[in-house]
Amino acid sequence: MKNKILTTISTLMLFVPWTILPLRSFDWALESPAAEIMISCYAAFMIFSGVFTIVSYVRTKARNNLMKVCLVINSLYAVFGIAVFGMIIIPKWI
């Protein structure tokens, strides 16, 4: 039962990052402070979902096929989220 719950949560986390696309259609979402905050929040969520899925896969041994797909996609999301944070933070240091 625990593995099914973790798989469901990881599966739902696959779709959340795509909700940024409709939000970016608003004018306020394209302006500097709001855009940077929104993108940072999505990047943080993507990193969290990657870490959550990896921990769920390794510690609880939730190793069904759907969880394997979630592991790959959420891990890619986490890497992309780290890259986005790097693109936001590094130019401020330079």
PDB file of N, CA and C in Angstrom:
ATOM      1  N   MET A   1       0.820  -1.205   0.000  1.00  0.00           N
ATOM      2  CA  MET A   1       0.000   0.000   0.000  1.00  0.00           C
ATOM      3  C   MET A   1       0.864   1.271   0.000  1.00  0.00           C
ATOM      4  N   LYS A   2       1.935   1.248   0.797  1.00  0.00           N
ATOM      5  CA  LYS A   2       2.829   2.399   0.872  1.00  0.00           C
ATOM      6  C   LYS A   2       3.479   2.669  -0.485  1.00  0.00           C
ATOM      7  N   ASN A   3       3.881   1.611  -1.173  1.00  0.00           N
ATOM      8  CA  ASN A   3       4.504   1.768  -2.485  1.00  0.00           C
ATOM      9  C   ASN A   3       3.539   2.380  -3.493  1.00  0.00           C
ATOM     10  N   LYS A   4       2.263   2.018  -3.420  1.00  0.00           N
ATOM     11  CA  LYS A   4       1.272   2.585  -4.340  1.00  0.00           C
ATOM     12  C   LYS A   4       1.067   4.068  -4.081  1.00  0.00           C
ATOM     13  N   ILE A   5       1.076   4.463  -2.827  1.00  0.00           N
ATOM     14  CA  ILE A   5       0.913   5.880  -2.484  1.00  0.00           C
ATOM     15  C   ILE A   5       2.109   6.687  -2.986  1.00  0.00           C
ATOM     16  N   LEU A   6       3.305   6.178  -2.758  1.00  0.00           N
ATOM     17  CA  LEU A   6       4.504   6.882  -3.220  1.00  0.00           C
ATOM     18  C   LEU A   6       4.565   6.952  -4.746  1.00  0.00           C
ATOM     19  N   THR A   7       4.136   5.880  -5.406  1.00  0.00           N
ATOM     20  CA  THR A   7       4.094   5.888  -6.870  1.00  0.00           C
ATOM     21  C   THR A   7       3.084   6.900  -7.370  1.00  0.00           C
ATOM     22  N   THR A   8       1.938   6.988  -6.715  1.00  0.00           N
ATOM     23  CA  THR A   8       0.914   7.962  -7.111  1.00  0.00           C
ATOM     24  C   THR A   8       1.413   9.390  -6.932  1.00  0.00           C
ATOM     25  N   ILE A   9       2.057   9.662  -5.814  1.00  0.00           N
ATOM     26  CA  ILE A   9       2.594  11.007  -5.572  1.00  0.00           C
ATOM     27  C   ILE A   9       3.656  11.349  -6.617  1.00  0.00           C
ATOM     28  N   SER A  10       4.552  10.411  -6.891  1.00  0.00           N
ATOM     29  CA  SER A  10       5.599  10.662  -7.890  1.00  0.00           C
ATOM     30  C   SER A  10       5.003  10.864  -9.276  1.00  0.00           C
ATOM     31  N   THR A  11       3.949  10.137  -9.583  1.00  0.00           N
ATOM     32  CA  THR A  11       3.291  10.288 -10.878  1.00  0.00           C
ATOM     33  C   THR A  11       2.626  11.660 -10.991  1.00  0.00           C
ATOM     34  N   LEU A  12       1.968  12.101  -9.940  1.00  0.00           N
ATOM     35  CA  LEU A  12       1.340  13.429  -9.969  1.00  0.00           C
ATOM     36  C   LEU A  12       2.390  14.537 -10.097  1.00  0.00           C
ATOM     37  N   MET A  13       3.556  14.304  -9.516  1.00  0.00           N
ATOM     38  CA  MET A  13       4.623  15.299  -9.606  1.00  0.00           C
ATOM     39  C   MET A  13       5.166  15.440 -11.022  1.00  0.00           C
ATOM     40  N   LEU A  14       4.912  14.481 -11.869  1.00  0.00           N
ATOM     41  CA  LEU A  14       5.357  14.575 -13.264  1.00  0.00           C
ATOM     42  C   LEU A  14       4.674  15.718 -14.009  1.00  0.00           C
ATOM     43  N   PHE A  15       3.436  16.002 -13.651  1.00  0.00           N
ATOM     44  CA  PHE A  15       2.630  16.932 -14.430  1.00  0.00           C
ATOM     45  C   PHE A  15       2.665  18.366 -13.909  1.00  0.00           C
ATOM     46  N   VAL A  16       3.062  18.571 -12.666  1.00  0.00           N
ATOM     47  CA  VAL A  16       3.044  19.918 -12.075  1.00  0.00           C
ATOM     48  C   VAL A  16       3.948  20.910 -12.820  1.00  0.00           C
ATOM     49  N   PRO A  17       5.185  20.541 -13.203  1.00  0.00           N
ATOM     50  CA  PRO A  17       6.027  21.529 -13.901  1.00  0.00           C
ATOM     51  C   PRO A  17       5.416  22.051 -15.204  1.00  0.00           C
ATOM     52  N   TRP A  18       4.554  21.289 -15.826  1.00  0.00           N
ATOM     53  CA  TRP A  18       3.946  21.735 -17.085  1.00  0.00           C
ATOM     54  C   TRP A  18       2.865  22.797 -16.867  1.00  0.00           C
ATOM     55  N   THR A  19       2.457  23.013 -15.616  1.00  0.00           N
ATOM     56  CA  THR A  19       1.461  24.053 -15.354  1.00  0.00           C
ATOM     57  C   THR A  19       2.035  25.451 -15.496  1.00  0.00           C
ATOM     58  N   ILE A  20       3.355  25.555 -15.648  1.00  0.00           N
ATOM     59  CA  ILE A  20       3.965  26.871 -15.849  1.00  0.00           C
ATOM     60  C   ILE A  20       3.591  27.440 -17.220  1.00  0.00           C
ATOM     61  N   LEU A  21       3.329  26.574 -18.173  1.00  0.00           N
ATOM     62  CA  LEU A  21       3.012  27.060 -19.528  1.00  0.00           C
ATOM     63  C   LEU A  21       1.755  27.923 -19.573  1.00  0.00           C
ATOM     64  N   PRO A  22       0.624  27.508 -18.994  1.00  0.00           N
ATOM     65  CA  PRO A  22      -0.532  28.423 -19.007  1.00  0.00           C
ATOM     66  C   PRO A  22      -0.303  29.676 -18.165  1.00  0.00           C
ATOM     67  N   LEU A  23       0.460  29.550 -17.071  1.00  0.00           N
ATOM     68  CA  LEU A  23       0.723  30.728 -16.238  1.00  0.00           C
ATOM     69  C   LEU A  23       1.554  31.773 -16.977  1.00  0.00           C
ATOM     70  N   ARG A  24       2.463  31.320 -17.827  1.00  0.00           N
ATOM     71  CA  ARG A  24       3.323  32.259 -18.545  1.00  0.00           C
ATOM     72  C   ARG A  24       2.571  33.040 -19.625  1.00  0.00           C
ATOM     73  N   SER A  25       1.329  32.723 -19.866  1.00  0.00           N
ATOM     74  CA  SER A  25       0.554  33.472 -20.859  1.00  0.00           C
ATOM     75  C   SER A  25       0.045  34.800 -20.305  1.00  0.00           C
ATOM     76  N   PHE A  26       0.107  34.981 -18.984  1.00  0.00           N
ATOM     77  CA  PHE A  26      -0.321  36.241 -18.385  1.00  0.00           C
ATOM     78  C   PHE A  26       0.809  37.266 -18.448  1.00  0.00           C
ATOM     79  N   ASP A  27       0.447  38.531 -18.622  1.00  0.00           N
ATOM     80  CA  ASP A  27       1.457  39.595 -18.721  1.00  0.00           C
ATOM     81  C   ASP A  27       2.282  39.734 -17.446  1.00  0.00           C
ATOM     82  N   TRP A  28       1.627  39.615 -16.279  1.00  0.00           N
ATOM     83  CA  TRP A  28       2.340  39.778 -15.019  1.00  0.00           C
ATOM     84  C   TRP A  28       3.404  38.692 -14.829  1.00  0.00           C
ATOM     85  N   ALA A  29       3.216  37.542 -15.457  1.00  0.00           N
ATOM     86  CA  ALA A  29       4.161  36.436 -15.302  1.00  0.00           C
ATOM     87  C   ALA A  29       5.427  36.626 -16.130  1.00  0.00           C
ATOM     88  N   LEU A  30       5.422  37.606 -16.998  1.00  0.00           N
ATOM     89  CA  LEU A  30       6.588  37.856 -17.844  1.00  0.00           C
ATOM     90  C   LEU A  30       7.452  38.999 -17.329  1.00  0.00           C
ATOM     91  N   GLU A  31       6.966  39.721 -16.329  1.00  0.00           N
ATOM     92  CA  GLU A  31       7.719  40.846 -15.776  1.00  0.00           C
ATOM     93  C   GLU A  31       8.730  40.351 -14.752  1.00  0.00           C
ATOM     94  N   SER A  32       9.795  41.091 -14.584  1.00  0.00           N
ATOM     95  CA  SER A  32      10.989  40.632 -13.884  1.00  0.00           C
ATOM     96  C   SER A  32      10.788  40.030 -12.481  1.00  0.00           C
ATOM     97  N   PRO A  33      10.283  40.725 -11.500  1.00  0.00           N
ATOM     98  CA  PRO A  33      10.284  40.066 -10.192  1.00  0.00           C
ATOM     99  C   PRO A  33       9.347  38.854 -10.135  1.00  0.00           C
ATOM    100  N   ALA A  34       8.202  38.966 -10.739  1.00  0.00           N
ATOM    101  CA  ALA A  34       7.242  37.855 -10.699  1.00  0.00           C
ATOM    102  C   ALA A  34       7.754  36.655 -11.483  1.00  0.00           C
ATOM    103  N   ALA A  35       8.353  36.894 -12.616  1.00  0.00           N
ATOM    104  CA  ALA A  35       8.862  35.797 -13.446  1.00  0.00           C
ATOM    105  C   ALA A  35       9.982  35.051 -12.739  1.00  0.00           C
ATOM    106  N   GLU A  36      10.888  35.776 -12.134  1.00  0.00           N
ATOM    107  CA  GLU A  36      12.016  35.141 -11.458  1.00  0.00           C
ATOM    108  C   GLU A  36      11.555  34.326 -10.252  1.00  0.00           C
ATOM    109  N   ILE A  37      10.619  34.856  -9.499  1.00  0.00           N
ATOM    110  CA  ILE A  37      10.094  34.133  -8.337  1.00  0.00           C
ATOM    111  C   ILE A  37       9.350  32.886  -8.777  1.00  0.00           C
ATOM    112  N   MET A  38       8.525  33.011  -9.790  1.00  0.00           N
ATOM    113  CA  MET A  38       7.743  31.875 -10.267  1.00  0.00           C
ATOM    114  C   MET A  38       8.647  30.775 -10.820  1.00  0.00           C
ATOM    115  N   ILE A  39       9.624  31.136 -11.594  1.00  0.00           N
ATOM    116  CA  ILE A  39      10.541  30.143 -12.157  1.00  0.00           C
ATOM    117  C   ILE A  39      11.363  29.494 -11.043  1.00  0.00           C
ATOM    118  N   SER A  40      11.768  30.265 -10.052  1.00  0.00           N
ATOM    119  CA  SER A  40      12.514  29.696  -8.928  1.00  0.00           C
ATOM    120  C   SER A  40      11.668  28.697  -8.143  1.00  0.00           C
ATOM    121  N   CYS A  41      10.409  29.018  -7.941  1.00  0.00           N
ATOM    122  CA  CYS A  41       9.517  28.095  -7.220  1.00  0.00           C
ATOM    123  C   CYS A  41       9.311  26.806  -7.999  1.00  0.00           C
ATOM    124  N   TYR A  42       9.121  26.912  -9.302  1.00  0.00           N
ATOM    125  CA  TYR A  42       8.980  25.707 -10.122  1.00  0.00           C
ATOM    126  C   TYR A  42      10.270  24.890 -10.119  1.00  0.00           C
ATOM    127  N   ALA A  43      11.419  25.546 -10.182  1.00  0.00           N
ATOM    128  CA  ALA A  43      12.694  24.831 -10.157  1.00  0.00           C
ATOM    129  C   ALA A  43      12.878  24.113  -8.817  1.00  0.00           C
ATOM    130  N   ALA A  44      12.513  24.774  -7.719  1.00  0.00           N
ATOM    131  CA  ALA A  44      12.614  24.145  -6.398  1.00  0.00           C
ATOM    132  C   ALA A  44      11.692  22.930  -6.310  1.00  0.00           C
ATOM    133  N   PHE A  45      10.484  23.043  -6.864  1.00  0.00           N
ATOM    134  CA  PHE A  45       9.570  21.908  -6.857  1.00  0.00           C
ATOM    135  C   PHE A  45      10.125  20.756  -7.693  1.00  0.00           C
ATOM    136  N   MET A  46      10.733  21.081  -8.825  1.00  0.00           N
ATOM    137  CA  MET A  46      11.294  20.045  -9.681  1.00  0.00           C
ATOM    138  C   MET A  46      12.443  19.317  -8.977  1.00  0.00           C
ATOM    139  N   ILE A  47      13.267  20.052  -8.256  1.00  0.00           N
ATOM    140  CA  ILE A  47      14.353  19.431  -7.496  1.00  0.00           C
ATOM    141  C   ILE A  47      13.771  18.553  -6.394  1.00  0.00           C
ATOM    142  N   PHE A  48      12.765  19.079  -5.688  1.00  0.00           N
ATOM    143  CA  PHE A  48      12.119  18.302  -4.627  1.00  0.00           C
ATOM    144  C   PHE A  48      11.499  17.025  -5.173  1.00  0.00           C
ATOM    145  N   SER A  49      10.819  17.114  -6.303  1.00  0.00           N
ATOM    146  CA  SER A  49      10.170  15.920  -6.850  1.00  0.00           C
ATOM    147  C   SER A  49      11.207  14.888  -7.283  1.00  0.00           C
ATOM    148  N   GLY A  50      12.330  15.337  -7.807  1.00  0.00           N
ATOM    149  CA  GLY A  50      13.398  14.404  -8.164  1.00  0.00           C
ATOM    150  C   GLY A  50      13.976  13.706  -6.946  1.00  0.00           C
ATOM    151  N   VAL A  51      14.257  14.466  -5.906  1.00  0.00           N
ATOM    152  CA  VAL A  51      14.807  13.891  -4.676  1.00  0.00           C
ATOM    153  C   VAL A  51      13.781  12.957  -4.027  1.00  0.00           C
ATOM    154  N   PHE A  52      12.526  13.378  -3.981  1.00  0.00           N
ATOM    155  CA  PHE A  52      11.464  12.549  -3.398  1.00  0.00           C
ATOM    156  C   PHE A  52      11.352  11.210  -4.122  1.00  0.00           C
ATOM    157  N   THR A  53      11.375  11.243  -5.444  1.00  0.00           N
ATOM    158  CA  THR A  53      11.243  10.012  -6.219  1.00  0.00           C
ATOM    159  C   THR A  53      12.461   9.116  -6.036  1.00  0.00           C
ATOM    160  N   ILE A  54      13.650   9.699  -6.025  1.00  0.00           N
ATOM    161  CA  ILE A  54      14.857   8.902  -5.818  1.00  0.00           C
ATOM    162  C   ILE A  54      14.834   8.241  -4.444  1.00  0.00           C
ATOM    163  N   VAL A  55      14.484   9.001  -3.416  1.00  0.00           N
ATOM    164  CA  VAL A  55      14.426   8.449  -2.056  1.00  0.00           C
ATOM    165  C   VAL A  55      13.343   7.371  -1.970  1.00  0.00           C
ATOM    166  N   SER A  56      12.203   7.621  -2.575  1.00  0.00           N
ATOM    167  CA  SER A  56      11.130   6.620  -2.559  1.00  0.00           C
ATOM    168  C   SER A  56      11.555   5.341  -3.261  1.00  0.00           C
ATOM    169  N   TYR A  57      12.255   5.486  -4.354  1.00  0.00           N
ATOM    170  CA  TYR A  57      12.695   4.319  -5.128  1.00  0.00           C
ATOM    171  C   TYR A  57      13.745   3.513  -4.366  1.00  0.00           C
ATOM    172  N   VAL A  58      14.674   4.206  -3.735  1.00  0.00           N
ATOM    173  CA  VAL A  58      15.788   3.520  -3.082  1.00  0.00           C
ATOM    174  C   VAL A  58      15.395   2.985  -1.703  1.00  0.00           C
ATOM    175  N   ARG A  59      14.811   3.821  -0.872  1.00  0.00           N
ATOM    176  CA  ARG A  59      14.559   3.421   0.521  1.00  0.00           C
ATOM    177  C   ARG A  59      13.378   2.477   0.674  1.00  0.00           C
ATOM    178  N   THR A  60      12.285   2.767   0.003  1.00  0.00           N
ATOM    179  CA  THR A  60      11.098   1.928   0.204  1.00  0.00           C
ATOM    180  C   THR A  60      10.995   0.812  -0.817  1.00  0.00           C
ATOM    181  N   LYS A  61      11.938   0.793  -1.729  1.00  0.00           N
ATOM    182  CA  LYS A  61      11.978  -0.243  -2.762  1.00  0.00           C
ATOM    183  C   LYS A  61      10.680  -0.316  -3.569  1.00  0.00           C
ATOM    184  N   ALA A  62      10.146   0.861  -3.882  1.00  0.00           N
ATOM    185  CA  ALA A  62       8.966   0.956  -4.760  1.00  0.00           C
ATOM    186  C   ALA A  62       9.482   0.844  -6.184  1.00  0.00           C
ATOM    187  N   ARG A  63       9.610  -0.354  -6.674  1.00  0.00           N
ATOM    188  CA  ARG A  63      10.290  -0.579  -7.951  1.00  0.00           C
ATOM    189  C   ARG A  63       9.383  -1.169  -9.011  1.00  0.00           C
ATOM    190  N   ASN A  64       8.193  -0.621  -9.151  1.00  0.00           N
ATOM    191  CA  ASN A  64       7.327  -1.058 -10.250  1.00  0.00           C
ATOM    192  C   ASN A  64       7.668  -0.265 -11.505  1.00  0.00           C
ATOM    193  N   ASN A  65       7.088  -0.645 -12.618  1.00  0.00           N
ATOM    194  CA  ASN A  65       7.444  -0.010 -13.894  1.00  0.00           C
ATOM    195  C   ASN A  65       7.099   1.474 -13.930  1.00  0.00           C
ATOM    196  N   LEU A  66       5.954   1.849 -13.383  1.00  0.00           N
ATOM    197  CA  LEU A  66       5.566   3.264 -13.372  1.00  0.00           C
ATOM    198  C   LEU A  66       6.546   4.086 -12.533  1.00  0.00           C
ATOM    199  N   MET A  67       6.990   3.515 -11.427  1.00  0.00           N
ATOM    200  CA  MET A  67       7.950   4.225 -10.583  1.00  0.00           C
ATOM    201  C   MET A  67       9.286   4.385 -11.297  1.00  0.00           C
ATOM    202  N   LYS A  68       9.662   3.438 -12.122  1.00  0.00           N
ATOM    203  CA  LYS A  68      10.905   3.557 -12.891  1.00  0.00           C
ATOM    204  C   LYS A  68      10.811   4.708 -13.893  1.00  0.00           C
ATOM    205  N   VAL A  69       9.653   4.847 -14.521  1.00  0.00           N
ATOM    206  CA  VAL A  69       9.430   5.968 -15.445  1.00  0.00           C
ATOM    207  C   VAL A  69       9.476   7.286 -14.682  1.00  0.00           C
ATOM    208  N   CYS A  70       8.803   7.328 -13.529  1.00  0.00           N
ATOM    209  CA  CYS A  70       8.817   8.538 -12.703  1.00  0.00           C
ATOM    210  C   CYS A  70      10.232   8.871 -12.252  1.00  0.00           C
ATOM    211  N   LEU A  71      11.011   7.858 -11.934  1.00  0.00           N
ATOM    212  CA  LEU A  71      12.389   8.069 -11.500  1.00  0.00           C
ATOM    213  C   LEU A  71      13.213   8.755 -12.580  1.00  0.00           C
ATOM    214  N   VAL A  72      13.091   8.286 -13.796  1.00  0.00           N
ATOM    215  CA  VAL A  72      13.860   8.877 -14.893  1.00  0.00           C
ATOM    216  C   VAL A  72      13.414  10.312 -15.159  1.00  0.00           C
ATOM    217  N   ILE A  73      12.122  10.521 -15.290  1.00  0.00           N
ATOM    218  CA  ILE A  73      11.619  11.858 -15.642  1.00  0.00           C
ATOM    219  C   ILE A  73      11.851  12.848 -14.513  1.00  0.00           C
ATOM    220  N   ASN A  74      11.529  12.467 -13.273  1.00  0.00           N
ATOM    221  CA  ASN A  74      11.722  13.392 -12.159  1.00  0.00           C
ATOM    222  C   ASN A  74      13.199  13.666 -11.897  1.00  0.00           C
ATOM    223  N   SER A  75      14.069  12.702 -12.181  1.00  0.00           N
ATOM    224  CA  SER A  75      15.508  12.954 -12.063  1.00  0.00           C
ATOM    225  C   SER A  75      15.962  13.982 -13.098  1.00  0.00           C
ATOM    226  N   LEU A  76      15.438  13.875 -14.306  1.00  0.00           N
ATOM    227  CA  LEU A  76      15.748  14.879 -15.329  1.00  0.00           C
ATOM    228  C   LEU A  76      15.206  16.246 -14.931  1.00  0.00           C
ATOM    229  N   TYR A  77      14.004  16.270 -14.352  1.00  0.00           N
ATOM    230  CA  TYR A  77      13.453  17.526 -13.852  1.00  0.00           C
ATOM    231  C   TYR A  77      14.380  18.124 -12.800  1.00  0.00           C
ATOM    232  N   ALA A  78      14.910  17.291 -11.897  1.00  0.00           N
ATOM    233  CA  ALA A  78      15.786  17.792 -10.838  1.00  0.00           C
ATOM    234  C   ALA A  78      17.062  18.395 -11.427  1.00  0.00           C
ATOM    235  N   VAL A  79      17.635  17.725 -12.404  1.00  0.00           N
ATOM    236  CA  VAL A  79      18.849  18.251 -13.049  1.00  0.00           C
ATOM    237  C   VAL A  79      18.539  19.577 -13.734  1.00  0.00           C
ATOM    238  N   PHE A  80      17.415  19.645 -14.419  1.00  0.00           N
ATOM    239  CA  PHE A  80      17.018  20.883 -15.081  1.00  0.00           C
ATOM    240  C   PHE A  80      16.753  21.988 -14.051  1.00  0.00           C
ATOM    241  N   GLY A  81      16.129  21.638 -12.925  1.00  0.00           N
ATOM    242  CA  GLY A  81      15.875  22.622 -11.870  1.00  0.00           C
ATOM    243  C   GLY A  81      17.155  23.181 -11.296  1.00  0.00           C
ATOM    244  N   ILE A  82      18.160  22.324 -11.114  1.00  0.00           N
ATOM    245  CA  ILE A  82      19.460  22.787 -10.623  1.00  0.00           C
ATOM    246  C   ILE A  82      20.105  23.716 -11.645  1.00  0.00           C
ATOM    247  N   ALA A  83      19.975  23.374 -12.919  1.00  0.00           N
ATOM    248  CA  ALA A  83      20.530  24.229 -13.974  1.00  0.00           C
ATOM    249  C   ALA A  83      19.841  25.597 -13.992  1.00  0.00           C
ATOM    250  N   VAL A  84      18.536  25.617 -13.796  1.00  0.00           N
ATOM    251  CA  VAL A  84      17.797  26.881 -13.775  1.00  0.00           C
ATOM    252  C   VAL A  84      18.258  27.736 -12.601  1.00  0.00           C
ATOM    253  N   PHE A  85      18.404  27.122 -11.421  1.00  0.00           N
ATOM    254  CA  PHE A  85      18.920  27.884 -10.279  1.00  0.00           C
ATOM    255  C   PHE A  85      20.305  28.440 -10.584  1.00  0.00           C
ATOM    256  N   GLY A  86      21.121  27.646 -11.248  1.00  0.00           N
ATOM    257  CA  GLY A  86      22.449  28.127 -11.630  1.00  0.00           C
ATOM    258  C   GLY A  86      22.377  29.319 -12.567  1.00  0.00           C
ATOM    259  N   MET A  87      21.451  29.276 -13.521  1.00  0.00           N
ATOM    260  CA  MET A  87      21.312  30.399 -14.469  1.00  0.00           C
ATOM    261  C   MET A  87      20.751  31.651 -13.786  1.00  0.00           C
ATOM    262  N   ILE A  88      20.019  31.471 -12.709  1.00  0.00           N
ATOM    263  CA  ILE A  88      19.472  32.622 -12.002  1.00  0.00           C
ATOM    264  C   ILE A  88      20.494  33.201 -11.023  1.00  0.00           C
ATOM    265  N   ILE A  89      21.208  32.334 -10.313  1.00  0.00           N
ATOM    266  CA  ILE A  89      22.084  32.788  -9.227  1.00  0.00           C
ATOM    267  C   ILE A  89      23.458  33.224  -9.722  1.00  0.00           C
ATOM    268  N   ILE A  90      24.069  32.491 -10.623  1.00  0.00           N
ATOM    269  CA  ILE A  90      25.441  32.784 -11.047  1.00  0.00           C
ATOM    270  C   ILE A  90      25.580  34.183 -11.666  1.00  0.00           C
ATOM    271  N   PRO A  91      24.669  34.638 -12.536  1.00  0.00           N
ATOM    272  CA  PRO A  91      24.847  36.004 -13.067  1.00  0.00           C
ATOM    273  C   PRO A  91      24.794  37.104 -11.987  1.00  0.00           C
ATOM    274  N   LYS A  92      24.148  36.838 -10.870  1.00  0.00           N
ATOM    275  CA  LYS A  92      24.105  37.831  -9.788  1.00  0.00           C
ATOM    276  C   LYS A  92      25.441  37.925  -9.083  1.00  0.00           C
ATOM    277  N   TRP A  93      26.237  36.866  -9.087  1.00  0.00           N
ATOM    278  CA  TRP A  93      27.541  36.874  -8.442  1.00  0.00           C
ATOM    279  C   TRP A  93      28.592  37.529  -9.311  1.00  0.00           C
ATOM    280  N   ILE A  94      28.365  37.527 -10.609  1.00  0.00           N
ATOM    281  CA  ILE A  94      29.391  38.050 -11.523  1.00  0.00           C
ATOM    282  C   ILE A  94      29.261  39.543 -11.665  1.00  0.00           C
TER     283      ILE A  94
END
